[in-house]
C-alpha atoms as a PDB file:
ATOM      1  CA  MET A   1      67.037 -50.616  -8.161  1.00  0.00           C
ATOM      2  CA  ARG A   2      69.021 -52.878 -10.215  1.00  0.00           C
ATOM      3  CA  GLY A   3      67.517 -51.113 -13.232  1.00  0.00           C
ATOM      4  CA  VAL A   4      68.664 -47.893 -11.882  1.00  0.00           C
ATOM      5  CA  ARG A   5      72.016 -49.203 -11.317  1.00  0.00           C
ATOM      6  CA  ARG A   6      72.290 -50.434 -14.876  1.00  0.00           C
ATOM      7  CA  ILE A   7      70.857 -47.338 -16.412  1.00  0.00           C
ATOM      8  CA  VAL A   8      73.557 -45.365 -14.501  1.00  0.00           C
ATOM      9  CA  SER A   9      76.365 -47.569 -15.420  1.00  0.00           C
ATOM     10  CA  VAL A  10      75.560 -47.306 -19.036  1.00  0.00           C
ATOM     11  CA  LEU A  11      74.903 -43.435 -19.140  1.00  0.00           C
ATOM     12  CA  ALA A  12      77.254 -41.899 -16.576  1.00  0.00           C
ATOM     13  CA  TYR A  13      80.384 -41.953 -18.696  1.00  0.00           C
ATOM     14  CA  PRO A  14      78.948 -39.652 -22.055  1.00  0.00           C
ATOM     15  CA  LEU A  15      76.542 -37.809 -19.707  1.00  0.00           C
ATOM     16  CA  VAL A  16      79.343 -36.472 -17.155  1.00  0.00           C
ATOM     17  CA  MET A  17      81.773 -35.848 -20.037  1.00  0.00           C
ATOM     18  CA  ALA A  18      78.986 -33.609 -21.791  1.00  0.00           C
ATOM     19  CA  ALA A  19      78.481 -31.964 -18.307  1.00  0.00           C
ATOM     20  CA  GLY A  20      81.981 -31.108 -18.087  1.00  0.00           C
ATOM     21  CA  LEU A  21      82.154 -29.642 -21.475  1.00  0.00           C
ATOM     22  CA  ILE A  22      79.094 -27.691 -21.314  1.00  0.00           C
ATOM     23  CA  THR A  23      80.169 -26.205 -17.801  1.00  0.00           C
ATOM     24  CA  LEU A  24      83.199 -24.781 -19.471  1.00  0.00           C
ATOM     25  CA  MET A  25      81.217 -23.634 -22.104  1.00  0.00           C
ATOM     26  CA  GLY A  26      79.140 -21.918 -19.733  1.00  0.00           C
ATOM     27  CA  LEU A  27      81.635 -20.448 -17.517  1.00  0.00           C
ATOM     28  CA  LEU A  28      83.457 -18.994 -20.482  1.00  0.00           C
ATOM     29  CA  ASP A  29      80.124 -17.619 -21.797  1.00  0.00           C
ATOM     30  CA  ALA A  30      79.696 -15.869 -18.644  1.00  0.00           C
ATOM     31  CA  GLY A  31      83.267 -14.225 -18.695  1.00  0.00           C
ATOM     32  CA  ALA A  32      85.505 -16.586 -17.073  1.00  0.00           C
ATOM     33  CA  ALA A  33      89.182 -16.548 -17.969  1.00  0.00           C
ATOM     34  CA  LEU A  34      90.669 -19.280 -19.737  1.00  0.00           C
ATOM     35  CA  THR A  35      93.360 -19.565 -17.283  1.00  0.00           C
ATOM     36  CA  TRP A  36      91.196 -20.880 -14.542  1.00  0.00           C
ATOM     37  CA  ALA A  37      87.796 -21.733 -15.778  1.00  0.00           C
ATOM     38  CA  PRO A  38      89.219 -25.603 -17.145  1.00  0.00           C
ATOM     39  CA  PHE A  39      90.369 -26.037 -13.435  1.00  0.00           C
ATOM     40  CA  ALA A  40      87.183 -24.860 -12.401  1.00  0.00           C
ATOM     41  CA  THR A  41      85.361 -27.220 -14.375  1.00  0.00           C
ATOM     42  CA  VAL A  42      87.295 -30.045 -13.368  1.00  0.00           C
ATOM     43  CA  ALA A  43      86.545 -29.233  -9.482  1.00  0.00           C
ATOM     44  CA  ILE A  44      83.183 -28.901 -10.186  1.00  0.00           C
ATOM     45  CA  VAL A  45      82.625 -32.044 -12.249  1.00  0.00           C
ATOM     46  CA  GLY A  46      85.191 -34.303 -11.073  1.00  0.00           C
ATOM     47  CA  PRO A  47      83.424 -34.813  -7.932  1.00  0.00           C
ATOM     48  CA  ILE A  48      80.592 -36.625  -9.659  1.00  0.00           C
ATOM     49  CA  VAL A  49      83.055 -39.448 -10.964  1.00  0.00           C
ATOM     50  CA  ILE A  50      84.208 -39.941  -6.945  1.00  0.00           C
ATOM     51  CA  LEU A  51      80.483 -40.148  -5.992  1.00  0.00           C
ATOM     52  CA  LEU A  52      79.721 -42.946  -8.596  1.00  0.00           C
ATOM     53  CA  GLU A  53      82.649 -45.153  -6.871  1.00  0.00           C
ATOM     54  CA  ARG A  54      80.512 -44.982  -3.791  1.00  0.00           C
ATOM     55  CA  ILE A  55      77.238 -45.403  -5.520  1.00  0.00           C
ATOM     56  CA  ILE A  56      78.060 -48.455  -7.711  1.00  0.00           C
ATOM     57  CA  PRO A  57      81.686 -49.683  -6.837  1.00  0.00           C
ATOM     58  CA  PHE A  58      83.203 -52.256  -9.351  1.00  0.00           C
ATOM     59  CA  ARG A  59      84.922 -53.854  -6.300  1.00  0.00           C
ATOM     60  CA  ARG A  60      84.677 -52.648  -2.724  1.00  0.00           C
ATOM     61  CA  GLY A  61      88.131 -54.024  -1.879  1.00  0.00           C
ATOM     62  CA  TRP A  62      89.565 -51.189  -3.974  1.00  0.00           C
ATOM     63  CA  MET A  63      87.350 -48.227  -2.305  1.00  0.00           C
ATOM     64  CA  ALA A  64      89.739 -45.349  -1.321  1.00  0.00           C
ATOM     65  CA  ASN A  65      90.109 -44.473   2.309  1.00  0.00           C
ATOM     66  CA  ALA A  66      91.117 -41.093   4.073  1.00  0.00           C
ATOM     67  CA  SER A  67      94.779 -41.925   3.569  1.00  0.00           C
ATOM     68  CA  ASP A  68      94.448 -42.596   0.057  1.00  0.00           C
ATOM     69  CA  TYR A  69      93.033 -39.626  -0.764  1.00  0.00           C
ATOM     70  CA  LEU A  70      95.461 -37.382   0.889  1.00  0.00           C
ATOM     71  CA  GLU A  71      98.361 -39.107  -0.821  1.00  0.00           C
ATOM     72  CA  ASP A  72      96.499 -38.615  -4.147  1.00  0.00           C
ATOM     73  CA  SER A  73      96.184 -34.945  -3.087  1.00  0.00           C
ATOM     74  CA  LEU A  74      99.620 -34.465  -2.637  1.00  0.00           C
ATOM     75  CA  PHE A  75     100.516 -35.970  -6.125  1.00  0.00           C
ATOM     76  CA  MET A  76      97.641 -33.983  -7.601  1.00  0.00           C
ATOM     77  CA  VAL A  77      98.962 -30.633  -6.292  1.00  0.00           C
ATOM     78  CA  ALA A  78     102.483 -30.847  -6.529  1.00  0.00           C
ATOM     79  CA  VAL A  79     102.385 -33.102  -9.995  1.00  0.00           C
ATOM     80  CA  GLN A  80      99.336 -32.078 -11.816  1.00  0.00           C
ATOM     81  CA  VAL A  81      99.224 -28.570 -10.612  1.00  0.00           C
ATOM     82  CA  THR A  82     102.339 -26.870  -9.512  1.00  0.00           C
ATOM     83  CA  VAL A  83     105.141 -28.980 -10.984  1.00  0.00           C
ATOM     84  CA  PRO A  84     105.150 -29.059 -13.804  1.00  0.00           C
ATOM     85  CA  PHE A  85     101.466 -28.861 -15.297  1.00  0.00           C
ATOM     86  CA  ALA A  86     100.756 -25.407 -13.950  1.00  0.00           C
ATOM     87  CA  MET A  87     103.865 -23.994 -15.156  1.00  0.00           C
ATOM     88  CA  ALA A  88     103.441 -25.874 -18.514  1.00  0.00           C
ATOM     89  CA  TRP A  89      99.808 -24.747 -18.826  1.00  0.00           C
ATOM     90  CA  ALA A  90     100.665 -21.189 -18.378  1.00  0.00           C
ATOM     91  CA  VAL A  91     103.790 -21.416 -20.931  1.00  0.00           C
ATOM     92  CA  ALA A  92     101.333 -23.410 -23.501  1.00  0.00           C
ATOM     93  CA  PHE A  93      98.531 -20.543 -22.918  1.00  0.00           C
ATOM     94  CA  GLY A  94     101.157 -17.786 -23.304  1.00  0.00           C
ATOM     95  CA  LEU A  95     102.925 -19.194 -25.920  1.00  0.00           C
ATOM     96  CA  SER A  96      99.653 -19.631 -28.070  1.00  0.00           C
ATOM     97  CA  THR A  97      98.073 -16.508 -27.065  1.00  0.00           C
ATOM     98  CA  ALA A  98     101.315 -14.489 -28.298  1.00  0.00           C
ATOM     99  CA  LEU A  99     101.238 -16.408 -31.538  1.00  0.00           C
ATOM    100  CA  SER A 100      97.558 -15.948 -32.021  1.00  0.00           C
ATOM    101  CA  HIS A 101      98.364 -12.259 -32.407  1.00  0.00           C
ATOM    102  CA  HIS A 102     101.006 -12.912 -35.489  1.00  0.00           C
ATOM    103  CA  SER A 103      99.340 -13.671 -38.543  1.00  0.00           C
ATOM    104  CA  ASN A 104     102.741 -14.483 -40.222  1.00  0.00           C
ATOM    105  CA  HIS A 105     103.885 -17.363 -37.695  1.00  0.00           C
ATOM    106  CA  PHE A 106     104.028 -21.007 -38.355  1.00  0.00           C
ATOM    107  CA  SER A 107     100.565 -22.278 -38.087  1.00  0.00           C
ATOM    108  CA  ILE A 108      98.900 -25.329 -39.730  1.00  0.00           C
ATOM    109  CA  TRP A 109      96.428 -26.152 -37.034  1.00  0.00           C
ATOM    110  CA  PRO A 110      92.836 -25.943 -38.553  1.00  0.00           C
ATOM    111  CA  THR A 111      91.728 -22.773 -36.485  1.00  0.00           C
ATOM    112  CA  HIS A 112      88.914 -22.495 -39.079  1.00  0.00           C
ATOM    113  CA  TRP A 113      86.946 -25.881 -38.137  1.00  0.00           C
ATOM    114  CA  PRO A 114      84.401 -25.915 -35.227  1.00  0.00           C
ATOM    115  CA  LEU A 115      85.370 -25.768 -31.825  1.00  0.00           C
ATOM    116  CA  PHE A 116      84.387 -29.558 -31.206  1.00  0.00           C
ATOM    117  CA  ALA A 117      86.017 -30.499 -34.348  1.00  0.00           C
ATOM    118  CA  GLN A 118      89.208 -29.446 -33.398  1.00  0.00           C
ATOM    119  CA  LEU A 119      88.903 -30.922 -29.958  1.00  0.00           C
ATOM    120  CA  ALA A 120      88.093 -34.170 -31.714  1.00  0.00           C
ATOM    121  CA  LEU A 121      91.631 -33.836 -33.615  1.00  0.00           C
ATOM    122  CA  LYS A 122      93.506 -32.910 -30.656  1.00  0.00           C
ATOM    123  CA  VAL A 123      92.184 -35.920 -28.793  1.00  0.00           C
ATOM    124  CA  ILE A 124      93.030 -38.050 -31.707  1.00  0.00           C
ATOM    125  CA  ALA A 125      96.406 -36.964 -32.389  1.00  0.00           C
ATOM    126  CA  GLY A 126      97.868 -36.134 -28.927  1.00  0.00           C
ATOM    127  CA  ASP A 127      96.692 -39.510 -28.072  1.00  0.00           C
ATOM    128  CA  PHE A 128      98.947 -40.890 -30.858  1.00  0.00           C
ATOM    129  CA  PHE A 129     102.001 -39.552 -29.279  1.00  0.00           C
ATOM    130  CA  ARG A 130     101.045 -40.178 -25.676  1.00  0.00           C
ATOM    131  CA  TYR A 131     100.366 -43.690 -26.950  1.00  0.00           C
ATOM    132  CA  TRP A 132     104.190 -44.282 -28.107  1.00  0.00           C
ATOM    133  CA  LEU A 133     105.359 -42.762 -25.030  1.00  0.00           C
ATOM    134  CA  HIS A 134     103.384 -44.788 -22.440  1.00  0.00           C
ATOM    135  CA  ARG A 135     104.386 -47.896 -24.508  1.00  0.00           C
ATOM    136  CA  SER A 136     107.925 -46.956 -24.465  1.00  0.00           C
ATOM    137  CA  ALA A 137     107.853 -46.357 -20.931  1.00  0.00           C
ATOM    138  CA  HIS A 138     106.988 -50.318 -20.260  1.00  0.00           C
ATOM    139  CA  THR A 139     109.462 -51.560 -22.828  1.00  0.00           C
ATOM    140  CA  TRP A 140     112.565 -48.949 -21.926  1.00  0.00           C
ATOM    141  CA  SER A 141     114.099 -49.092 -18.245  1.00  0.00           C
ATOM    142  CA  PRO A 142     114.666 -45.400 -17.551  1.00  0.00           C
ATOM    143  CA  LEU A 143     111.142 -44.453 -18.417  1.00  0.00           C
ATOM    144  CA  TRP A 144     109.602 -47.407 -16.510  1.00  0.00           C
ATOM    145  CA  ARG A 145     111.471 -46.231 -13.581  1.00  0.00           C
ATOM    146  CA  LEU A 146     109.596 -43.180 -13.646  1.00  0.00           C
ATOM    147  CA  HIS A 147     106.295 -44.738 -14.703  1.00  0.00           C
ATOM    148  CA  GLU A 148     106.286 -47.199 -11.766  1.00  0.00           C
ATOM    149  CA  VAL A 149     104.962 -44.411  -9.583  1.00  0.00           C
ATOM    150  CA  HIS A 150     101.693 -44.497 -11.125  1.00  0.00           C
ATOM    151  CA  HIS A 151     101.455 -48.330 -11.249  1.00  0.00           C
ATOM    152  CA  HIS A 152     102.194 -48.578  -7.573  1.00  0.00           C
ATOM    153  CA  PRO A 153      98.841 -48.694  -6.216  1.00  0.00           C
ATOM    154  CA  ASN A 154      97.452 -52.432  -5.630  1.00  0.00           C
ATOM    155  CA  LYS A 155      93.904 -50.917  -6.508  1.00  0.00           C
ATOM    156  CA  LEU A 156      92.433 -48.934  -9.031  1.00  0.00           C
ATOM    157  CA  TYR A 157      90.169 -45.646  -8.367  1.00  0.00           C
ATOM    158  CA  SER A 158      89.626 -42.388  -9.739  1.00  0.00           C
ATOM    159  CA  THR A 159      92.041 -40.137  -8.023  1.00  0.00           C
ATOM    160  CA  ASN A 160      95.050 -42.592  -8.285  1.00  0.00           C
ATOM    161  CA  VAL A 161      95.174 -40.862 -12.009  1.00  0.00           C
ATOM    162  CA  PHE A 162      97.231 -38.395 -10.112  1.00  0.00           C
ATOM    163  CA  ARG A 163      99.914 -40.384  -9.304  1.00  0.00           C
ATOM    164  CA  PHE A 164     102.794 -39.612 -11.884  1.00  0.00           C
ATOM    165  CA  HIS A 165     106.254 -38.610 -11.197  1.00  0.00           C
ATOM    166  CA  PRO A 166     106.739 -35.070 -12.161  1.00  0.00           C
ATOM    167  CA  ILE A 167     109.379 -35.998 -14.839  1.00  0.00           C
ATOM    168  CA  GLU A 168     106.823 -38.173 -16.718  1.00  0.00           C
ATOM    169  CA  LYS A 169     104.232 -35.447 -16.474  1.00  0.00           C
ATOM    170  CA  ALA A 170     106.718 -33.056 -18.163  1.00  0.00           C
ATOM    171  CA  LEU A 171     107.494 -35.577 -20.853  1.00  0.00           C
ATOM    172  CA  GLN A 172     103.687 -36.226 -21.592  1.00  0.00           C
ATOM    173  CA  PHE A 173     103.324 -32.662 -22.017  1.00  0.00           C
ATOM    174  CA  CYS A 174     105.712 -32.350 -24.551  1.00  0.00           C
ATOM    175  CA  CYS A 175     104.201 -34.881 -26.133  1.00  0.00           C
ATOM    176  CA  ASP A 176     100.236 -33.984 -26.088  1.00  0.00           C
ATOM    177  CA  THR A 177     100.523 -30.317 -25.992  1.00  0.00           C
ATOM    178  CA  LEU A 178     103.592 -28.576 -26.706  1.00  0.00           C
ATOM    179  CA  PRO A 179     104.119 -29.541 -30.255  1.00  0.00           C
ATOM    180  CA  PHE A 180     100.174 -28.331 -31.071  1.00  0.00           C
ATOM    181  CA  VAL A 181     101.286 -25.082 -29.698  1.00  0.00           C
ATOM    182  CA  ILE A 182     103.880 -24.647 -31.931  1.00  0.00           C
ATOM    183  CA  ILE A 183     101.775 -25.349 -34.719  1.00  0.00           C
ATOM    184  CA  GLY A 184      98.967 -23.143 -34.020  1.00  0.00           C
ATOM    185  CA  ILE A 185      96.547 -24.365 -31.552  1.00  0.00           C
ATOM    186  CA  THR A 186      94.276 -21.959 -29.947  1.00  0.00           C
ATOM    187  CA  PRO A 187      93.954 -21.558 -25.957  1.00  0.00           C
ATOM    188  CA  ASP A 188      90.125 -22.364 -26.087  1.00  0.00           C
ATOM    189  CA  VAL A 189      90.683 -25.698 -27.921  1.00  0.00           C
ATOM    190  CA  LEU A 190      93.319 -26.465 -24.996  1.00  0.00           C
ATOM    191  CA  ALA A 191      90.817 -25.469 -22.507  1.00  0.00           C
ATOM    192  CA  PHE A 192      88.583 -27.963 -23.765  1.00  0.00           C
ATOM    193  CA  TYR A 193      90.915 -30.453 -24.197  1.00  0.00           C
ATOM    194  CA  PHE A 194      92.250 -30.162 -20.496  1.00  0.00           C
ATOM    195  CA  VAL A 195      88.682 -30.924 -19.220  1.00  0.00           C
ATOM    196  CA  PHE A 196      88.155 -33.763 -21.497  1.00  0.00           C
ATOM    197  CA  TYR A 197      91.426 -35.384 -20.562  1.00  0.00           C
ATOM    198  CA  ALA A 198      91.092 -34.857 -17.170  1.00  0.00           C
ATOM    199  CA  ILE A 199      87.565 -36.183 -16.780  1.00  0.00           C
ATOM    200  CA  SER A 200      88.678 -39.304 -19.003  1.00  0.00           C
ATOM    201  CA  GLY A 201      91.628 -39.674 -16.668  1.00  0.00           C
ATOM    202  CA  LEU A 202      89.257 -39.710 -13.542  1.00  0.00           C
ATOM    203  CA  PHE A 203      86.749 -42.210 -15.182  1.00  0.00           C
ATOM    204  CA  GLN A 204      89.648 -44.480 -16.750  1.00  0.00           C
ATOM    205  CA  HIS A 205      90.987 -45.068 -13.422  1.00  0.00           C
ATOM    206  CA  SER A 206      87.471 -45.321 -11.619  1.00  0.00           C
ATOM    207  CA  ASN A 207      86.468 -47.870  -9.532  1.00  0.00           C
ATOM    208  CA  ALA A 208      82.659 -47.456 -10.724  1.00  0.00           C
ATOM    209  CA  ASP A 209      81.200 -50.458 -12.207  1.00  0.00           C
ATOM    210  CA  LEU A 210      80.333 -48.456 -15.667  1.00  0.00           C
ATOM    211  CA  ARG A 211      79.248 -50.280 -18.889  1.00  0.00           C
ATOM    212  CA  LEU A 212      80.390 -48.406 -21.898  1.00  0.00           C
ATOM    213  CA  GLY A 213      79.588 -51.320 -24.188  1.00  0.00           C
ATOM    214  CA  PRO A 214      80.474 -50.269 -28.042  1.00  0.00           C
ATOM    215  CA  LEU A 215      81.965 -47.143 -26.636  1.00  0.00           C
ATOM    216  CA  ASN A 216      84.690 -49.400 -25.355  1.00  0.00           C
ATOM    217  CA  TYR A 217      86.105 -49.644 -28.888  1.00  0.00           C
ATOM    218  CA  VAL A 218      86.296 -45.893 -29.093  1.00  0.00           C
ATOM    219  CA  PHE A 219      87.254 -44.555 -25.443  1.00  0.00           C
ATOM    220  CA  SER A 220      89.750 -45.900 -22.946  1.00  0.00           C
ATOM    221  CA  GLY A 221      87.314 -46.359 -20.075  1.00  0.00           C
ATOM    222  CA  PRO A 222      87.695 -48.414 -16.820  1.00  0.00           C
ATOM    223  CA  GLU A 223      86.731 -51.634 -18.338  1.00  0.00           C
ATOM    224  CA  VAL A 224      89.491 -51.275 -20.365  1.00  0.00           C
ATOM    225  CA  HIS A 225      91.996 -49.748 -18.684  1.00  0.00           C
ATOM    226  CA  ARG A 226      91.903 -51.753 -15.580  1.00  0.00           C
ATOM    227  CA  TRP A 227      93.747 -54.709 -17.373  1.00  0.00           C
ATOM    228  CA  HIS A 228      96.774 -52.047 -17.825  1.00  0.00           C
ATOM    229  CA  HIS A 229      97.105 -52.032 -14.028  1.00  0.00           C
ATOM    230  CA  SER A 230      97.171 -55.830 -13.980  1.00  0.00           C
ATOM    231  CA  ARG A 231     100.123 -57.447 -11.986  1.00  0.00           C
ATOM    232  CA  THR A 232     100.202 -60.183 -14.561  1.00  0.00           C
ATOM    233  CA  ILE A 233     102.585 -58.559 -17.093  1.00  0.00           C
ATOM    234  CA  SER A 234     100.950 -60.280 -20.415  1.00  0.00           C
ATOM    235  CA  GLU A 235      98.064 -58.368 -19.287  1.00  0.00           C
ATOM    236  CA  SER A 236      99.308 -55.188 -18.290  1.00  0.00           C
ATOM    237  CA  ASN A 237     101.461 -54.589 -21.127  1.00  0.00           C
ATOM    238  CA  ASN A 238      98.465 -53.507 -23.264  1.00  0.00           C
ATOM    239  CA  ASN A 239      96.027 -50.752 -23.458  1.00  0.00           C
ATOM    240  CA  TYR A 240      98.340 -48.004 -23.550  1.00  0.00           C
ATOM    241  CA  ALA A 241      95.865 -45.124 -24.654  1.00  0.00           C
ATOM    242  CA  HIS A 242      94.780 -42.769 -22.712  1.00  0.00           C
ATOM    243  CA  SER A 243      91.421 -41.583 -24.086  1.00  0.00           C
ATOM    244  CA  PHE A 244      91.216 -42.530 -27.813  1.00  0.00           C
ATOM    245  CA  VAL A 245      91.377 -46.518 -27.628  1.00  0.00           C
ATOM    246  CA  VAL A 246      91.440 -46.991 -31.319  1.00  0.00           C
ATOM    247  CA  TRP A 247      95.308 -46.554 -31.083  1.00  0.00           C
ATOM    248  CA  ASP A 248      95.549 -49.764 -29.395  1.00  0.00           C
ATOM    249  CA  LEU A 249      93.352 -51.389 -31.977  1.00  0.00           C
ATOM    250  CA  VAL A 250      95.664 -50.182 -34.705  1.00  0.00           C
ATOM    251  CA  PHE A 251      98.804 -51.310 -33.008  1.00  0.00           C
ATOM    252  CA  GLY A 252      97.539 -54.782 -31.902  1.00  0.00           C
ATOM    253  CA  THR A 253      97.720 -53.739 -27.787  1.00  0.00           C
ATOM    254  CA  TYR A 254      93.970 -53.699 -27.407  1.00  0.00           C
ATOM    255  CA  PHE A 255      92.878 -56.364 -24.397  1.00  0.00           C
ATOM    256  CA  ARG A 256      89.664 -56.821 -22.867  1.00  0.00           C
ATOM    257  CA  PRO A 257      88.643 -60.507 -22.086  1.00  0.00           C
ATOM    258  CA  LYS A 258      85.035 -60.663 -21.824  1.00  0.00           C
ATOM    259  CA  SER A 259      84.783 -64.037 -19.856  1.00  0.00           C
ATOM    260  CA  ARG A 260      86.933 -63.053 -16.638  1.00  0.00           C
ATOM    261  CA  VAL A 261      87.623 -59.902 -14.508  1.00  0.00           C
ATOM    262  CA  VAL A 262      91.224 -58.461 -13.648  1.00  0.00           C
ATOM    263  CA  GLU A 263      92.534 -59.741 -10.566  1.00  0.00           C
ATOM    264  CA  THR A 264      95.847 -58.611  -8.389  1.00  0.00           C
ATOM    265  CA  LEU A 265      97.163 -54.996  -9.352  1.00  0.00           C
ATOM    266  CA  GLY A 266     100.367 -53.230  -8.804  1.00  0.00           C
ATOM    267  CA  LEU A 267     104.151 -54.161  -9.113  1.00  0.00           C
ATOM    268  CA  LEU A 268     106.051 -56.947  -8.871  1.00  0.00           C
ATOM    269  CA  ASP A 269     108.385 -55.426  -6.644  1.00  0.00           C
ATOM    270  CA  PRO A 270     107.995 -56.094  -3.195  1.00  0.00           C
ATOM    271  CA  ALA A 271     110.627 -53.462  -1.952  1.00  0.00           C
ATOM    272  CA  TYR A 272     109.062 -50.320  -4.187  1.00  0.00           C
ATOM    273  CA  PRO A 273     108.763 -47.641  -1.397  1.00  0.00           C
ATOM    274  CA  ARG A 274     105.668 -46.244  -0.030  1.00  0.00           C
ATOM    275  CA  GLY A 275     104.896 -42.673   0.491  1.00  0.00           C
ATOM    276  CA  PHE A 276     104.853 -39.525  -1.546  1.00  0.00           C
ATOM    277  CA  TRP A 277     108.318 -38.296  -0.887  1.00  0.00           C
ATOM    278  CA  GLN A 278     109.953 -41.850  -0.847  1.00  0.00           C
ATOM    279  CA  GLN A 279     108.189 -42.240  -4.504  1.00  0.00           C
ATOM    280  CA  LEU A 280     109.506 -39.303  -6.013  1.00  0.00           C
ATOM    281  CA  TYR A 281     112.918 -40.329  -5.080  1.00  0.00           C
ATOM    282  CA  ALA A 282     112.634 -44.061  -6.168  1.00  0.00           C
ATOM    283  CA  PRO A 283     113.298 -43.743  -9.869  1.00  0.00           C
ATOM    284  CA  PHE A 284     116.868 -42.886  -8.865  1.00  0.00           C
ATOM    285  CA  ARG A 285     117.479 -45.564  -6.638  1.00  0.00           C
ATOM    286  CA  ARG A 286     120.517 -47.507  -7.726  1.00  0.00           C
ATOM    287  CA  VAL A 287     118.587 -50.905  -7.767  1.00  0.00           C
ATOM    288  CA  ALA A 288     118.169 -52.938 -10.784  1.00  0.00           C
ATOM    289  CA  ARG A 289     114.589 -53.946 -11.361  1.00  0.00           C
ATOM    290  CA  ASP A 290     113.051 -55.772 -14.442  1.00  0.00           C
ATOM    291  CA  ILE A 291     110.295 -54.029 -15.980  1.00  0.00           C
ATOM    292  CA  THR A 292     107.138 -55.634 -14.630  1.00  0.00           C
END
């Protein structure tokens, strides 16, 4: 049994990620529209990550309950889908489709590359901009007030990746998607990027006991990202990358001690509001708080 658990912990990340990309490819080959196929793919593959948390939990005290899932669902629908992501995705898809029909538009994106080479470039370049936005959110108070929403939970599991303030989500879109649409990225690359990004985020926050080994120096998986949610500031002010952890290595913010595990998670502010609506309003409270 222990051997099976070990195999699952090592292979789960690459196999589930591959399953997501293959599922999207299959849906598109079957005639599914780019406007909904990526969402359907995540709905099909995403639950596997949640199941892994139940099969091989990293810390049983971090396991989500029904109340957690309900609140995460509100964030998913209101922030990740409805406001602003669905609107942003529609704009990006519409703009990129329109531009693709005009050969004289400004385009420097290498559309002649193979699809997965374009996907790799999108992940690497998009993560560069996201890295600096995320790092700024830990050093500049106005951005931190938005980002606190994401750091509020005192346990880490897959679906609390949905917990972002809608304004911060819009800023993320302006960093990792809109610029690439303007320079000519095509809708199919965006579709595969969305699936990669979503599965990566679920794994990044997962409470599954995964062991990525050398991949911890390529991807920002749970073994790396857990430290970013530490309540100890010297630990949490690291590991800003979303998917491509190499930017943390390049800029000196990679943190993964091997002799111990992360302890307490969450914010230092004991009065931080709880509840969905309260947290949407929280950044606008007229209370001076230190960056934590």
